[in-house]
Amino acid sequence: MTGIVLHHVPQSRSQRVLWLLRELGVMFEVREWPFDKTLRGEEFLALNPVGRVPALEIDGRPVWETGAILQVLCERFPDAGLDRAPGHAEWIDWLIQIHFAETISQHAAVLTQGHLMLRDPSTRSPVVMKLEAARVGKCFDAIEARLDGDWLLRGGFSAADVAVAQAAVMARRFHRVGDRARMAAWMDRCEAREAFPAEDGGLYDRDFYEVPDA
């Protein structure tokens, strides 16, 4: 049996790996970590040398970086049909969307730091926060423009939807989906999937964070 252990912090990027594992229907173990200095300890740094989640152990080998983990899992379990293999007509688009998710997540991470990590209002930059929220909006525009069917790829649901939708779930705490009707319907479809993991606990304490006044 393939041994898979996901090292996970709720409401973080590791949420998308959890979702993918559930979509793949494989056996795995979850080890939950607190979002604190524990991630900088020797035990976790042996799994991810920069002290970030996710980290995945597969057959005793640590794998880190979310996009790499998704690709490794999809290639390991191709029967699930969640990847697009090299040479497939949608392979390049699949790769773009897998890695586009990290662009969205990075903007969300900056906003998370501004709203939650910098507790002293004097250390926050409303200008930067407003700019990053606008950049999330541009990412949402790209999703809206991309969708011309139920899923990001015409060939059907894939790990690309997992990656981008999970990033969008994080980012919509800082920029509303609004009147992007195709994106809103797509996110509803994603969240209605049986494998979609509920966000139990975690870092965020509200559904939406307004940009503070300058």
C-alpha atoms as a PDB file:
ATOM      1  CA  MET A   1       0.000   0.000   0.000  1.00  0.00           C
ATOM      2  CA  THR A   2       1.223   3.471  -0.856  1.00  0.00           C
ATOM      3  CA  GLY A   3       2.039   5.385   2.308  1.00  0.00           C
ATOM      4  CA  ILE A   4       0.860   8.996   2.113  1.00  0.00           C
ATOM      5  CA  VAL A   5       0.971  11.519   4.939  1.00  0.00           C
ATOM      6  CA  LEU A   6      -0.260  15.083   4.442  1.00  0.00           C
ATOM      7  CA  HIS A   7       1.161  17.661   6.823  1.00  0.00           C
ATOM      8  CA  HIS A   8      -1.656  20.161   7.049  1.00  0.00           C
ATOM      9  CA  VAL A   9      -2.682  23.498   8.520  1.00  0.00           C
ATOM     10  CA  PRO A  10      -6.422  24.229   8.111  1.00  0.00           C
ATOM     11  CA  GLN A  11      -7.339  27.156   5.842  1.00  0.00           C
ATOM     12  CA  SER A  12      -3.897  27.169   4.249  1.00  0.00           C
ATOM     13  CA  ARG A  13      -2.569  26.039   0.866  1.00  0.00           C
ATOM     14  CA  SER A  14      -2.477  22.473   2.197  1.00  0.00           C
ATOM     15  CA  GLN A  15      -6.278  22.529   1.969  1.00  0.00           C
ATOM     16  CA  ARG A  16      -5.993  22.019  -1.793  1.00  0.00           C
ATOM     17  CA  VAL A  17      -3.810  18.921  -1.352  1.00  0.00           C
ATOM     18  CA  LEU A  18      -6.339  17.539   1.123  1.00  0.00           C
ATOM     19  CA  TRP A  19      -9.090  18.128  -1.417  1.00  0.00           C
ATOM     20  CA  LEU A  20      -7.138  16.463  -4.221  1.00  0.00           C
ATOM     21  CA  LEU A  21      -6.360  13.415  -2.090  1.00  0.00           C
ATOM     22  CA  ARG A  22     -10.053  13.040  -1.376  1.00  0.00           C
ATOM     23  CA  GLU A  23     -10.884  13.375  -5.075  1.00  0.00           C
ATOM     24  CA  LEU A  24      -8.312  10.695  -5.889  1.00  0.00           C
ATOM     25  CA  GLY A  25      -9.993   8.313  -3.440  1.00  0.00           C
ATOM     26  CA  VAL A  26      -6.698   7.015  -2.044  1.00  0.00           C
ATOM     27  CA  MET A  27      -5.740   6.081   1.498  1.00  0.00           C
ATOM     28  CA  PHE A  28      -3.827   8.789   3.341  1.00  0.00           C
ATOM     29  CA  GLU A  29      -3.092  10.106   6.798  1.00  0.00           C
ATOM     30  CA  VAL A  30      -3.379  13.734   7.887  1.00  0.00           C
ATOM     31  CA  ARG A  31      -1.046  15.215  10.460  1.00  0.00           C
ATOM     32  CA  GLU A  32      -2.321  18.614  11.526  1.00  0.00           C
ATOM     33  CA  TRP A  33       0.113  21.323  12.608  1.00  0.00           C
ATOM     34  CA  PRO A  34      -0.526  24.631  14.358  1.00  0.00           C
ATOM     35  CA  PHE A  35       0.176  27.806  12.447  1.00  0.00           C
ATOM     36  CA  ASP A  36       3.039  28.888  14.697  1.00  0.00           C
ATOM     37  CA  LYS A  37       6.786  28.526  15.275  1.00  0.00           C
ATOM     38  CA  THR A  38       6.407  24.746  15.338  1.00  0.00           C
ATOM     39  CA  LEU A  39       6.722  24.914  11.554  1.00  0.00           C
ATOM     40  CA  ARG A  40      10.244  26.304  12.038  1.00  0.00           C
ATOM     41  CA  GLY A  41      11.321  23.390  14.205  1.00  0.00           C
ATOM     42  CA  GLU A  42      13.726  20.682  13.074  1.00  0.00           C
ATOM     43  CA  GLU A  43      11.001  18.061  12.684  1.00  0.00           C
ATOM     44  CA  PHE A  44       9.003  20.057  10.174  1.00  0.00           C
ATOM     45  CA  LEU A  45      12.025  21.567   8.426  1.00  0.00           C
ATOM     46  CA  ALA A  46      13.078  18.020   7.568  1.00  0.00           C
ATOM     47  CA  LEU A  47       9.864  17.831   5.518  1.00  0.00           C
ATOM     48  CA  ASN A  48       9.862  21.343   4.060  1.00  0.00           C
ATOM     49  CA  PRO A  49      13.112  23.304   4.465  1.00  0.00           C
ATOM     50  CA  VAL A  50      11.352  26.686   4.390  1.00  0.00           C
ATOM     51  CA  GLY A  51       8.882  25.772   7.128  1.00  0.00           C
ATOM     52  CA  ARG A  52       5.676  26.080   5.139  1.00  0.00           C
ATOM     53  CA  VAL A  53       2.721  23.837   4.462  1.00  0.00           C
ATOM     54  CA  PRO A  54       1.911  21.756   2.630  1.00  0.00           C
ATOM     55  CA  ALA A  55       4.401  18.977   2.944  1.00  0.00           C
ATOM     56  CA  LEU A  56       3.576  15.493   1.741  1.00  0.00           C
ATOM     57  CA  GLU A  57       5.287  12.234   2.553  1.00  0.00           C
ATOM     58  CA  ILE A  58       4.772   9.609  -0.112  1.00  0.00           C
ATOM     59  CA  ASP A  59       6.498   6.263   0.308  1.00  0.00           C
ATOM     60  CA  GLY A  60       8.746   7.909   2.883  1.00  0.00           C
ATOM     61  CA  ARG A  61       9.885  10.702   0.543  1.00  0.00           C
ATOM     62  CA  PRO A  62       8.980  14.311   1.463  1.00  0.00           C
ATOM     63  CA  VAL A  63       7.555  16.457  -1.323  1.00  0.00           C
ATOM     64  CA  TRP A  64       6.903  20.179  -0.979  1.00  0.00           C
ATOM     65  CA  GLU A  65       5.566  23.062  -3.066  1.00  0.00           C
ATOM     66  CA  THR A  66       1.863  22.768  -3.756  1.00  0.00           C
ATOM     67  CA  GLY A  67       2.038  22.630  -7.552  1.00  0.00           C
ATOM     68  CA  ALA A  68       4.684  19.905  -7.431  1.00  0.00           C
ATOM     69  CA  ILE A  69       2.620  17.883  -4.948  1.00  0.00           C
ATOM     70  CA  LEU A  70      -0.453  18.064  -7.178  1.00  0.00           C
ATOM     71  CA  GLN A  71       1.522  16.947 -10.217  1.00  0.00           C
ATOM     72  CA  VAL A  72       3.167  14.076  -8.338  1.00  0.00           C
ATOM     73  CA  LEU A  73      -0.166  12.824  -7.038  1.00  0.00           C
ATOM     74  CA  CYS A  74      -1.920  13.072 -10.391  1.00  0.00           C
ATOM     75  CA  GLU A  75       0.887  11.195 -12.114  1.00  0.00           C
ATOM     76  CA  ARG A  76       0.957   8.566  -9.359  1.00  0.00           C
ATOM     77  CA  PHE A  77      -2.802   7.962  -9.671  1.00  0.00           C
ATOM     78  CA  PRO A  78      -3.628   8.555 -13.354  1.00  0.00           C
ATOM     79  CA  ASP A  79      -6.777   6.419 -13.324  1.00  0.00           C
ATOM     80  CA  ALA A  80      -8.595   9.201 -11.492  1.00  0.00           C
ATOM     81  CA  GLY A  81      -8.359  11.311 -14.643  1.00  0.00           C
ATOM     82  CA  LEU A  82      -7.523  14.536 -12.797  1.00  0.00           C
ATOM     83  CA  ASP A  83      -4.427  15.405 -14.816  1.00  0.00           C
ATOM     84  CA  ARG A  84      -3.662  16.061 -18.455  1.00  0.00           C
ATOM     85  CA  ALA A  85      -0.608  14.126 -19.563  1.00  0.00           C
ATOM     86  CA  PRO A  86       2.165  15.645 -21.702  1.00  0.00           C
ATOM     87  CA  GLY A  87       1.010  15.614 -25.303  1.00  0.00           C
ATOM     88  CA  HIS A  88      -2.649  15.979 -24.365  1.00  0.00           C
ATOM     89  CA  ALA A  89      -4.360  18.918 -26.070  1.00  0.00           C
ATOM     90  CA  GLU A  90      -5.104  20.457 -22.653  1.00  0.00           C
ATOM     91  CA  TRP A  91      -1.758  19.736 -20.988  1.00  0.00           C
ATOM     92  CA  ILE A  92      -0.392  23.277 -21.247  1.00  0.00           C
ATOM     93  CA  ASP A  93      -3.637  24.824 -20.040  1.00  0.00           C
ATOM     94  CA  TRP A  94      -3.700  22.338 -17.152  1.00  0.00           C
ATOM     95  CA  LEU A  95      -0.166  23.320 -16.130  1.00  0.00           C
ATOM     96  CA  ILE A  96      -0.954  27.023 -16.369  1.00  0.00           C
ATOM     97  CA  GLN A  97      -3.964  26.701 -14.082  1.00  0.00           C
ATOM     98  CA  ILE A  98      -2.117  24.496 -11.555  1.00  0.00           C
ATOM     99  CA  HIS A  99       0.522  27.199 -11.177  1.00  0.00           C
ATOM    100  CA  PHE A 100      -1.830  30.168 -11.575  1.00  0.00           C
ATOM    101  CA  ALA A 101      -3.318  29.067  -8.250  1.00  0.00           C
ATOM    102  CA  GLU A 102      -0.085  30.115  -6.564  1.00  0.00           C
ATOM    103  CA  THR A 103      -0.360  33.636  -7.981  1.00  0.00           C
ATOM    104  CA  ILE A 104      -3.793  33.962  -6.376  1.00  0.00           C
ATOM    105  CA  SER A 105      -2.514  32.441  -3.131  1.00  0.00           C
ATOM    106  CA  GLN A 106       0.415  34.841  -2.923  1.00  0.00           C
ATOM    107  CA  HIS A 107      -1.867  37.869  -3.090  1.00  0.00           C
ATOM    108  CA  ALA A 108      -4.082  36.255  -0.440  1.00  0.00           C
ATOM    109  CA  ALA A 109      -1.016  35.578   1.715  1.00  0.00           C
ATOM    110  CA  VAL A 110       0.046  39.235   1.641  1.00  0.00           C
ATOM    111  CA  LEU A 111      -3.477  40.259   2.628  1.00  0.00           C
ATOM    112  CA  THR A 112      -3.583  37.638   5.360  1.00  0.00           C
ATOM    113  CA  GLN A 113      -0.385  39.062   6.788  1.00  0.00           C
ATOM    114  CA  GLY A 114      -1.727  42.600   6.643  1.00  0.00           C
ATOM    115  CA  HIS A 115      -5.080  41.837   8.217  1.00  0.00           C
ATOM    116  CA  LEU A 116      -4.172  39.125  10.717  1.00  0.00           C
ATOM    117  CA  MET A 117      -0.436  38.915  11.368  1.00  0.00           C
ATOM    118  CA  LEU A 118       0.319  42.618  11.756  1.00  0.00           C
ATOM    119  CA  ARG A 119      -1.820  43.221  14.821  1.00  0.00           C
ATOM    120  CA  ASP A 120      -0.608  46.757  15.403  1.00  0.00           C
ATOM    121  CA  PRO A 121      -2.548  48.963  12.931  1.00  0.00           C
ATOM    122  CA  SER A 122       0.452  51.306  12.663  1.00  0.00           C
ATOM    123  CA  THR A 123       2.474  48.527  10.996  1.00  0.00           C
ATOM    124  CA  ARG A 124      -0.088  47.942   8.261  1.00  0.00           C
ATOM    125  CA  SER A 125      -0.104  49.603   4.862  1.00  0.00           C
ATOM    126  CA  PRO A 126      -3.655  50.274   3.649  1.00  0.00           C
ATOM    127  CA  VAL A 127      -2.172  51.252   0.282  1.00  0.00           C
ATOM    128  CA  VAL A 128      -0.485  47.872  -0.140  1.00  0.00           C
ATOM    129  CA  MET A 129      -3.586  46.070   1.103  1.00  0.00           C
ATOM    130  CA  LYS A 130      -5.788  47.944  -1.373  1.00  0.00           C
ATOM    131  CA  LEU A 131      -3.360  47.169  -4.193  1.00  0.00           C
ATOM    132  CA  GLU A 132      -3.230  43.468  -3.312  1.00  0.00           C
ATOM    133  CA  ALA A 133      -7.020  43.259  -3.078  1.00  0.00           C
ATOM    134  CA  ALA A 134      -7.225  44.802  -6.553  1.00  0.00           C
ATOM    135  CA  ARG A 135      -4.750  42.211  -7.818  1.00  0.00           C
ATOM    136  CA  VAL A 136      -6.995  39.472  -6.449  1.00  0.00           C
ATOM    137  CA  GLY A 137      -9.772  41.072  -8.466  1.00  0.00           C
ATOM    138  CA  LYS A 138      -7.650  40.827 -11.610  1.00  0.00           C
ATOM    139  CA  CYS A 139      -7.132  37.138 -10.904  1.00  0.00           C
ATOM    140  CA  PHE A 140     -10.878  36.711 -10.494  1.00  0.00           C
ATOM    141  CA  ASP A 141     -11.373  38.468 -13.841  1.00  0.00           C
ATOM    142  CA  ALA A 142      -9.016  35.926 -15.420  1.00  0.00           C
ATOM    143  CA  ILE A 143     -11.043  33.047 -13.975  1.00  0.00           C
ATOM    144  CA  GLU A 144     -14.283  34.593 -15.225  1.00  0.00           C
ATOM    145  CA  ALA A 145     -12.809  35.026 -18.708  1.00  0.00           C
ATOM    146  CA  ARG A 146     -11.441  31.477 -18.731  1.00  0.00           C
ATOM    147  CA  LEU A 147     -14.729  29.759 -17.951  1.00  0.00           C
ATOM    148  CA  ASP A 148     -16.878  28.853 -20.926  1.00  0.00           C
ATOM    149  CA  GLY A 149     -18.273  25.635 -19.465  1.00  0.00           C
ATOM    150  CA  ASP A 150     -18.662  23.918 -16.134  1.00  0.00           C
ATOM    151  CA  TRP A 151     -14.928  23.578 -15.437  1.00  0.00           C
ATOM    152  CA  LEU A 152     -11.659  25.333 -16.233  1.00  0.00           C
ATOM    153  CA  LEU A 153     -10.830  22.781 -18.924  1.00  0.00           C
ATOM    154  CA  ARG A 154     -13.326  21.658 -21.541  1.00  0.00           C
ATOM    155  CA  GLY A 155     -12.362  18.040 -20.941  1.00  0.00           C
ATOM    156  CA  GLY A 156     -13.962  18.117 -17.501  1.00  0.00           C
ATOM    157  CA  PHE A 157     -13.141  18.513 -13.834  1.00  0.00           C
ATOM    158  CA  SER A 158      -9.448  18.207 -13.004  1.00  0.00           C
ATOM    159  CA  ALA A 159      -6.794  19.093 -10.462  1.00  0.00           C
ATOM    160  CA  ALA A 160      -6.720  22.521 -12.134  1.00  0.00           C
ATOM    161  CA  ASP A 161     -10.150  23.216 -10.649  1.00  0.00           C
ATOM    162  CA  VAL A 162      -8.951  21.986  -7.266  1.00  0.00           C
ATOM    163  CA  ALA A 163      -5.912  24.256  -7.308  1.00  0.00           C
ATOM    164  CA  VAL A 164      -7.581  27.425  -8.524  1.00  0.00           C
ATOM    165  CA  ALA A 165     -10.823  27.053  -6.580  1.00  0.00           C
ATOM    166  CA  GLN A 166      -9.052  26.478  -3.276  1.00  0.00           C
ATOM    167  CA  ALA A 167      -6.914  29.559  -3.877  1.00  0.00           C
ATOM    168  CA  ALA A 168     -10.039  31.529  -4.763  1.00  0.00           C
ATOM    169  CA  VAL A 169     -11.755  30.387  -1.558  1.00  0.00           C
ATOM    170  CA  MET A 170      -8.876  31.948   0.392  1.00  0.00           C
ATOM    171  CA  ALA A 171      -8.740  35.083  -1.724  1.00  0.00           C
ATOM    172  CA  ARG A 172     -12.463  35.880  -1.672  1.00  0.00           C
ATOM    173  CA  ARG A 173     -12.045  36.835   1.981  1.00  0.00           C
ATOM    174  CA  PHE A 174     -10.373  39.966   0.631  1.00  0.00           C
ATOM    175  CA  HIS A 175     -12.112  40.619  -2.704  1.00  0.00           C
ATOM    176  CA  ARG A 176     -15.707  39.634  -3.403  1.00  0.00           C
ATOM    177  CA  VAL A 177     -16.584  37.511  -6.418  1.00  0.00           C
ATOM    178  CA  GLY A 178     -19.334  40.025  -7.070  1.00  0.00           C
ATOM    179  CA  ASP A 179     -21.049  39.975 -10.445  1.00  0.00           C
ATOM    180  CA  ARG A 180     -18.682  37.445 -12.008  1.00  0.00           C
ATOM    181  CA  ALA A 181     -21.529  35.028 -12.681  1.00  0.00           C
ATOM    182  CA  ARG A 182     -19.542  32.265 -14.359  1.00  0.00           C
ATOM    183  CA  MET A 183     -16.968  32.223 -11.574  1.00  0.00           C
ATOM    184  CA  ALA A 184     -19.655  32.235  -8.879  1.00  0.00           C
ATOM    185  CA  ALA A 185     -21.442  29.267 -10.474  1.00  0.00           C
ATOM    186  CA  TRP A 186     -18.146  27.402 -10.896  1.00  0.00           C
ATOM    187  CA  MET A 187     -17.231  27.925  -7.261  1.00  0.00           C
ATOM    188  CA  ASP A 188     -20.666  26.666  -6.233  1.00  0.00           C
ATOM    189  CA  ARG A 189     -20.062  23.518  -8.287  1.00  0.00           C
ATOM    190  CA  CYS A 190     -16.640  23.029  -6.734  1.00  0.00           C
ATOM    191  CA  GLU A 191     -17.874  23.481  -3.173  1.00  0.00           C
ATOM    192  CA  ALA A 192     -20.780  21.113  -3.819  1.00  0.00           C
ATOM    193  CA  ARG A 193     -18.427  18.247  -4.651  1.00  0.00           C
ATOM    194  CA  GLU A 194     -18.453  15.458  -2.113  1.00  0.00           C
ATOM    195  CA  ALA A 195     -14.660  15.574  -1.760  1.00  0.00           C
ATOM    196  CA  PHE A 196     -14.542  19.316  -1.069  1.00  0.00           C
ATOM    197  CA  PRO A 197     -13.180  19.683   2.491  1.00  0.00           C
ATOM    198  CA  ALA A 198     -15.044  21.888   4.918  1.00  0.00           C
ATOM    199  CA  GLU A 199     -12.922  24.620   6.503  1.00  0.00           C
ATOM    200  CA  ASP A 200     -13.073  23.562  10.131  1.00  0.00           C
ATOM    201  CA  GLY A 201     -11.013  25.819  12.364  1.00  0.00           C
ATOM    202  CA  GLY A 202      -7.967  27.617  11.082  1.00  0.00           C
ATOM    203  CA  LEU A 203      -6.606  31.112  10.872  1.00  0.00           C
ATOM    204  CA  TYR A 204      -9.497  33.251   9.648  1.00  0.00           C
ATOM    205  CA  ASP A 205     -12.166  34.526  12.011  1.00  0.00           C
ATOM    206  CA  ARG A 206     -14.505  36.150   9.508  1.00  0.00           C
ATOM    207  CA  ASP A 207     -15.784  35.653   5.974  1.00  0.00           C
ATOM    208  CA  PHE A 208     -14.596  38.990   4.620  1.00  0.00           C
ATOM    209  CA  TYR A 209     -11.955  41.577   5.540  1.00  0.00           C
ATOM    210  CA  GLU A 210     -12.468  45.143   4.405  1.00  0.00           C
ATOM    211  CA  VAL A 211      -9.420  47.175   3.418  1.00  0.00           C
ATOM    212  CA  PRO A 212      -8.809  49.700   6.214  1.00  0.00           C
ATOM    213  CA  ASP A 213      -8.845  53.421   5.525  1.00  0.00           C
ATOM    214  CA  ALA A 214      -5.504  55.016   4.806  1.00  0.00           C
END
